[in-house]
PDB file of all heavy atoms in Angstrom:
ATOM      1  N   ASP A   1     -41.370  28.106  59.777  1.00  0.00           N
ATOM      2  CA  ASP A   1     -40.422  28.260  58.677  1.00  0.00           C
ATOM      3  C   ASP A   1     -40.217  29.740  58.376  1.00  0.00           C
ATOM      4  O   ASP A   1     -41.085  30.385  57.796  1.00  0.00           O
ATOM      5  CB  ASP A   1     -40.956  27.536  57.440  1.00  0.00           C
ATOM      6  CG  ASP A   1     -39.973  27.575  56.275  1.00  0.00           C
ATOM      7  OD1 ASP A   1     -38.937  28.275  56.376  1.00  0.00           O
ATOM      8  OD2 ASP A   1     -40.247  26.921  55.268  1.00  0.00           O
ATOM      9  N   PRO A   2     -39.054  30.287  58.796  1.00  0.00           N
ATOM     10  CA  PRO A   2     -38.817  31.716  58.557  1.00  0.00           C
ATOM     11  C   PRO A   2     -38.776  32.071  57.071  1.00  0.00           C
ATOM     12  O   PRO A   2     -39.104  33.187  56.700  1.00  0.00           O
ATOM     13  CB  PRO A   2     -37.476  31.995  59.225  1.00  0.00           C
ATOM     14  CG  PRO A   2     -37.019  30.742  59.846  1.00  0.00           C
ATOM     15  CD  PRO A   2     -37.992  29.644  59.546  1.00  0.00           C
ATOM     16  N   ALA A   3     -38.390  31.129  56.214  1.00  0.00           N
ATOM     17  CA  ALA A   3     -38.293  31.420  54.780  1.00  0.00           C
ATOM     18  C   ALA A   3     -39.663  31.741  54.185  1.00  0.00           C
ATOM     19  O   ALA A   3     -39.792  32.612  53.330  1.00  0.00           O
ATOM     20  CB  ALA A   3     -37.655  30.248  54.042  1.00  0.00           C
ATOM     21  N   THR A   4     -40.697  31.036  54.660  1.00  0.00           N
ATOM     22  CA  THR A   4     -42.052  31.237  54.114  1.00  0.00           C
ATOM     23  C   THR A   4     -42.944  32.028  55.063  1.00  0.00           C
ATOM     24  O   THR A   4     -44.075  32.336  54.722  1.00  0.00           O
ATOM     25  CB  THR A   4     -42.725  29.885  53.827  1.00  0.00           C
ATOM     26  OG1 THR A   4     -42.855  29.164  55.055  1.00  0.00           O
ATOM     27  CG2 THR A   4     -41.944  29.077  52.825  1.00  0.00           C
ATOM     28  N   LYS A   5     -42.435  32.328  56.269  1.00  0.00           N
ATOM     29  CA  LYS A   5     -43.196  33.048  57.302  1.00  0.00           C
ATOM     30  C   LYS A   5     -44.412  32.243  57.775  1.00  0.00           C
ATOM     31  O   LYS A   5     -45.383  32.800  58.262  1.00  0.00           O
ATOM     32  CB  LYS A   5     -43.676  34.429  56.818  1.00  0.00           C
ATOM     33  CG  LYS A   5     -42.606  35.265  56.163  1.00  0.00           C
ATOM     34  CD  LYS A   5     -41.709  35.902  57.171  1.00  0.00           C
ATOM     35  CE  LYS A   5     -40.820  36.947  56.519  1.00  0.00           C
ATOM     36  NZ  LYS A   5     -39.586  37.138  57.246  1.00  0.00           N
ATOM     37  N   GLN A   6     -44.349  30.912  57.629  1.00  0.00           N
ATOM     38  CA  GLN A   6     -45.478  30.064  57.999  1.00  0.00           C
ATOM     39  C   GLN A   6     -45.221  29.375  59.334  1.00  0.00           C
ATOM     40  O   GLN A   6     -44.127  28.880  59.588  1.00  0.00           O
ATOM     41  CB  GLN A   6     -45.726  29.008  56.925  1.00  0.00           C
ATOM     42  CG  GLN A   6     -46.157  29.573  55.584  1.00  0.00           C
ATOM     43  CD  GLN A   6     -47.488  30.284  55.651  1.00  0.00           C
ATOM     44  OE1 GLN A   6     -48.488  29.711  56.093  1.00  0.00           O
ATOM     45  NE2 GLN A   6     -47.509  31.540  55.254  1.00  0.00           N
ATOM     46  N   VAL A   7     -46.273  29.342  60.165  1.00  0.00           N
ATOM     47  CA  VAL A   7     -46.242  28.591  61.414  1.00  0.00           C
ATOM     48  C   VAL A   7     -47.412  27.617  61.379  1.00  0.00           C
ATOM     49  O   VAL A   7     -48.559  28.030  61.184  1.00  0.00           O
ATOM     50  CB  VAL A   7     -46.360  29.517  62.648  1.00  0.00           C
ATOM     51  CG1 VAL A   7     -46.405  28.705  63.935  1.00  0.00           C
ATOM     52  CG2 VAL A   7     -45.211  30.518  62.679  1.00  0.00           C
ATOM     53  N   SER A   8     -47.106  26.331  61.539  1.00  0.00           N
ATOM     54  CA  SER A   8     -48.138  25.298  61.603  1.00  0.00           C
ATOM     55  C   SER A   8     -48.152  24.734  63.010  1.00  0.00           C
ATOM     56  O   SER A   8     -47.100  24.424  63.569  1.00  0.00           O
ATOM     57  CB  SER A   8     -47.841  24.174  60.609  1.00  0.00           C
ATOM     58  OG  SER A   8     -47.828  24.680  59.294  1.00  0.00           O
ATOM     59  N   VAL A   9     -49.346  24.617  63.574  1.00  0.00           N
ATOM     60  CA  VAL A   9     -49.494  24.180  64.963  1.00  0.00           C
ATOM     61  C   VAL A   9     -50.539  23.083  65.025  1.00  0.00           C
ATOM     62  O   VAL A   9     -51.631  23.225  64.467  1.00  0.00           O
ATOM     63  CB  VAL A   9     -49.937  25.364  65.860  1.00  0.00           C
ATOM     64  CG1 VAL A   9     -50.035  24.925  67.315  1.00  0.00           C
ATOM     65  CG2 VAL A   9     -48.992  26.547  65.715  1.00  0.00           C
ATOM     66  N   GLN A  10     -50.202  22.001  65.720  1.00  0.00           N
ATOM     67  CA  GLN A  10     -51.186  20.983  66.082  1.00  0.00           C
ATOM     68  C   GLN A  10     -51.369  21.122  67.580  1.00  0.00           C
ATOM     69  O   GLN A  10     -50.417  20.979  68.343  1.00  0.00           O
ATOM     70  CB  GLN A  10     -50.689  19.581  65.742  1.00  0.00           C
ATOM     71  CG  GLN A  10     -50.645  19.296  64.266  1.00  0.00           C
ATOM     72  CD  GLN A  10     -50.158  17.886  63.994  1.00  0.00           C
ATOM     73  OE1 GLN A  10     -49.221  17.425  64.609  1.00  0.00           O
ATOM     74  NE2 GLN A  10     -50.819  17.218  63.072  1.00  0.00           N
ATOM     75  N   SER A  11     -52.605  21.427  68.003  1.00  0.00           N
ATOM     76  CA  SER A  11     -52.829  21.754  69.405  1.00  0.00           C
ATOM     77  C   SER A  11     -54.251  21.445  69.805  1.00  0.00           C
ATOM     78  O   SER A  11     -55.161  21.422  68.972  1.00  0.00           O
ATOM     79  CB  SER A  11     -52.545  23.252  69.621  1.00  0.00           C
ATOM     80  OG  SER A  11     -52.840  23.633  70.938  1.00  0.00           O
ATOM     81  N   GLN A  12     -54.446  21.257  71.102  1.00  0.00           N
ATOM     82  CA  GLN A  12     -55.792  21.156  71.667  1.00  0.00           C
ATOM     83  C   GLN A  12     -56.440  22.538  71.758  1.00  0.00           C
ATOM     84  O   GLN A  12     -57.646  22.652  71.905  1.00  0.00           O
ATOM     85  CB  GLN A  12     -55.743  20.533  73.069  1.00  0.00           C
ATOM     86  CG  GLN A  12     -55.157  19.135  73.113  1.00  0.00           C
ATOM     87  CD  GLN A  12     -56.028  18.110  72.405  1.00  0.00           C
ATOM     88  OE1 GLN A  12     -57.220  18.307  72.216  1.00  0.00           O
ATOM     89  NE2 GLN A  12     -55.418  17.007  71.998  1.00  0.00           N
ATOM     90  N   LEU A  13     -55.616  23.580  71.696  1.00  0.00           N
ATOM     91  CA  LEU A  13     -56.118  24.948  71.847  1.00  0.00           C
ATOM     92  C   LEU A  13     -56.883  25.383  70.596  1.00  0.00           C
ATOM     93  O   LEU A  13     -56.495  25.034  69.481  1.00  0.00           O
ATOM     94  CB  LEU A  13     -54.954  25.910  72.073  1.00  0.00           C
ATOM     95  CG  LEU A  13     -54.100  25.686  73.318  1.00  0.00           C
ATOM     96  CD1 LEU A  13     -52.887  26.597  73.296  1.00  0.00           C
ATOM     97  CD2 LEU A  13     -54.917  25.905  74.568  1.00  0.00           C
ATOM     98  N   PRO A  14     -57.938  26.174  70.768  1.00  0.00           N
ATOM     99  CA  PRO A  14     -58.627  26.719  69.599  1.00  0.00           C
ATOM    100  C   PRO A  14     -57.753  27.745  68.883  1.00  0.00           C
ATOM    101  O   PRO A  14     -56.805  28.289  69.453  1.00  0.00           O
ATOM    102  CB  PRO A  14     -59.877  27.371  70.184  1.00  0.00           C
ATOM    103  CG  PRO A  14     -59.563  27.613  71.619  1.00  0.00           C
ATOM    104  CD  PRO A  14     -58.556  26.574  72.028  1.00  0.00           C
ATOM    105  N   ARG A  15     -58.082  28.007  67.630  1.00  0.00           N
ATOM    106  CA  ARG A  15     -57.280  28.899  66.790  1.00  0.00           C
ATOM    107  C   ARG A  15     -57.044  30.260  67.452  1.00  0.00           C
ATOM    108  O   ARG A  15     -55.933  30.784  67.433  1.00  0.00           O
ATOM    109  CB  ARG A  15     -57.973  29.080  65.440  1.00  0.00           C
ATOM    110  CG  ARG A  15     -57.169  29.949  64.487  1.00  0.00           C
ATOM    111  CD  ARG A  15     -57.804  30.001  63.092  1.00  0.00           C
ATOM    112  NE  ARG A  15     -57.027  30.860  62.212  1.00  0.00           N
ATOM    113  CZ  ARG A  15     -55.960  30.467  61.543  1.00  0.00           C
ATOM    114  NH1 ARG A  15     -55.531  29.226  61.640  1.00  0.00           N
ATOM    115  NH2 ARG A  15     -55.301  31.318  60.766  1.00  0.00           N
ATOM    116  N   GLY A  16     -58.086  30.832  68.037  1.00  0.00           N
ATOM    117  CA  GLY A  16     -57.958  32.146  68.669  1.00  0.00           C
ATOM    118  C   GLY A  16     -56.944  32.152  69.799  1.00  0.00           C
ATOM    119  O   GLY A  16     -56.206  33.120  69.976  1.00  0.00           O
ATOM    120  N   ALA A  17     -56.914  31.070  70.562  1.00  0.00           N
ATOM    121  CA  ALA A  17     -55.974  30.984  71.676  1.00  0.00           C
ATOM    122  C   ALA A  17     -54.541  30.865  71.170  1.00  0.00           C
ATOM    123  O   ALA A  17     -53.621  31.472  71.716  1.00  0.00           O
ATOM    124  CB  ALA A  17     -56.324  29.799  72.579  1.00  0.00           C
ATOM    125  N   VAL A  18     -54.346  30.086  70.092  1.00  0.00           N
ATOM    126  CA  VAL A  18     -53.009  29.958  69.503  1.00  0.00           C
ATOM    127  C   VAL A  18     -52.551  31.310  68.962  1.00  0.00           C
ATOM    128  O   VAL A  18     -51.415  31.731  69.188  1.00  0.00           O
ATOM    129  CB  VAL A  18     -52.995  28.878  68.403  1.00  0.00           C
ATOM    130  CG1 VAL A  18     -51.635  28.836  67.704  1.00  0.00           C
ATOM    131  CG2 VAL A  18     -53.334  27.508  68.983  1.00  0.00           C
ATOM    132  N   ALA A  19     -53.455  32.014  68.277  1.00  0.00           N
ATOM    133  CA  ALA A  19     -53.122  33.339  67.745  1.00  0.00           C
ATOM    134  C   ALA A  19     -52.754  34.297  68.872  1.00  0.00           C
ATOM    135  O   ALA A  19     -51.821  35.098  68.740  1.00  0.00           O
ATOM    136  CB  ALA A  19     -54.292  33.898  66.922  1.00  0.00           C
ATOM    137  N   ALA A  20     -53.461  34.221  69.996  1.00  0.00           N
ATOM    138  CA  ALA A  20     -53.171  35.088  71.138  1.00  0.00           C
ATOM    139  C   ALA A  20     -51.789  34.788  71.717  1.00  0.00           C
ATOM    140  O   ALA A  20     -51.043  35.714  72.086  1.00  0.00           O
ATOM    141  CB  ALA A  20     -54.252  34.932  72.208  1.00  0.00           C
ATOM    142  N   VAL A  21     -51.432  33.512  71.802  1.00  0.00           N
ATOM    143  CA  VAL A  21     -50.104  33.141  72.302  1.00  0.00           C
ATOM    144  C   VAL A  21     -49.021  33.699  71.371  1.00  0.00           C
ATOM    145  O   VAL A  21     -48.021  34.254  71.832  1.00  0.00           O
ATOM    146  CB  VAL A  21     -49.970  31.592  72.437  1.00  0.00           C
ATOM    147  CG1 VAL A  21     -48.530  31.191  72.688  1.00  0.00           C
ATOM    148  CG2 VAL A  21     -50.878  31.072  73.544  1.00  0.00           C
ATOM    149  N   LEU A  22     -49.230  33.578  70.061  1.00  0.00           N
ATOM    150  CA  LEU A  22     -48.274  34.129  69.106  1.00  0.00           C
ATOM    151  C   LEU A  22     -48.144  35.634  69.285  1.00  0.00           C
ATOM    152  O   LEU A  22     -47.030  36.168  69.313  1.00  0.00           O
ATOM    153  CB  LEU A  22     -48.705  33.802  67.684  1.00  0.00           C
ATOM    154  CG  LEU A  22     -48.580  32.342  67.234  1.00  0.00           C
ATOM    155  CD1 LEU A  22     -49.277  32.129  65.907  1.00  0.00           C
ATOM    156  CD2 LEU A  22     -47.125  31.935  67.154  1.00  0.00           C
ATOM    157  N   ALA A  23     -49.261  36.328  69.421  1.00  0.00           N
ATOM    158  CA  ALA A  23     -49.239  37.782  69.579  1.00  0.00           C
ATOM    159  C   ALA A  23     -48.526  38.183  70.864  1.00  0.00           C
ATOM    160  O   ALA A  23     -47.720  39.128  70.869  1.00  0.00           O
ATOM    161  CB  ALA A  23     -50.665  38.333  69.551  1.00  0.00           C
ATOM    162  N   GLU A  24     -48.807  37.467  71.961  1.00  0.00           N
ATOM    163  CA  GLU A  24     -48.157  37.778  73.239  1.00  0.00           C
ATOM    164  C   GLU A  24     -46.647  37.584  73.157  1.00  0.00           C
ATOM    165  O   GLU A  24     -45.898  38.283  73.830  1.00  0.00           O
ATOM    166  CB  GLU A  24     -48.728  36.899  74.360  1.00  0.00           C
ATOM    167  CG  GLU A  24     -50.095  37.341  74.833  1.00  0.00           C
ATOM    168  CD  GLU A  24     -50.661  36.364  75.884  1.00  0.00           C
ATOM    169  OE1 GLU A  24     -49.888  35.755  76.618  1.00  0.00           O
ATOM    170  OE2 GLU A  24     -51.906  36.258  75.924  1.00  0.00           O
ATOM    171  N   ALA A  25     -46.212  36.632  72.341  1.00  0.00           N
ATOM    172  CA  ALA A  25     -44.781  36.378  72.181  1.00  0.00           C
ATOM    173  C   ALA A  25     -44.110  37.380  71.251  1.00  0.00           C
ATOM    174  O   ALA A  25     -42.905  37.364  71.065  1.00  0.00           O
ATOM    175  CB  ALA A  25     -44.563  34.957  71.649  1.00  0.00           C
TER     176      ALA A  25
END
């Protein structure tokens, strides 16, 4: 949601891996 700057993810990946994917993007 760009209005709130929030990203919610349901994933098998651990939090650190999701954060890394976001950073790489």
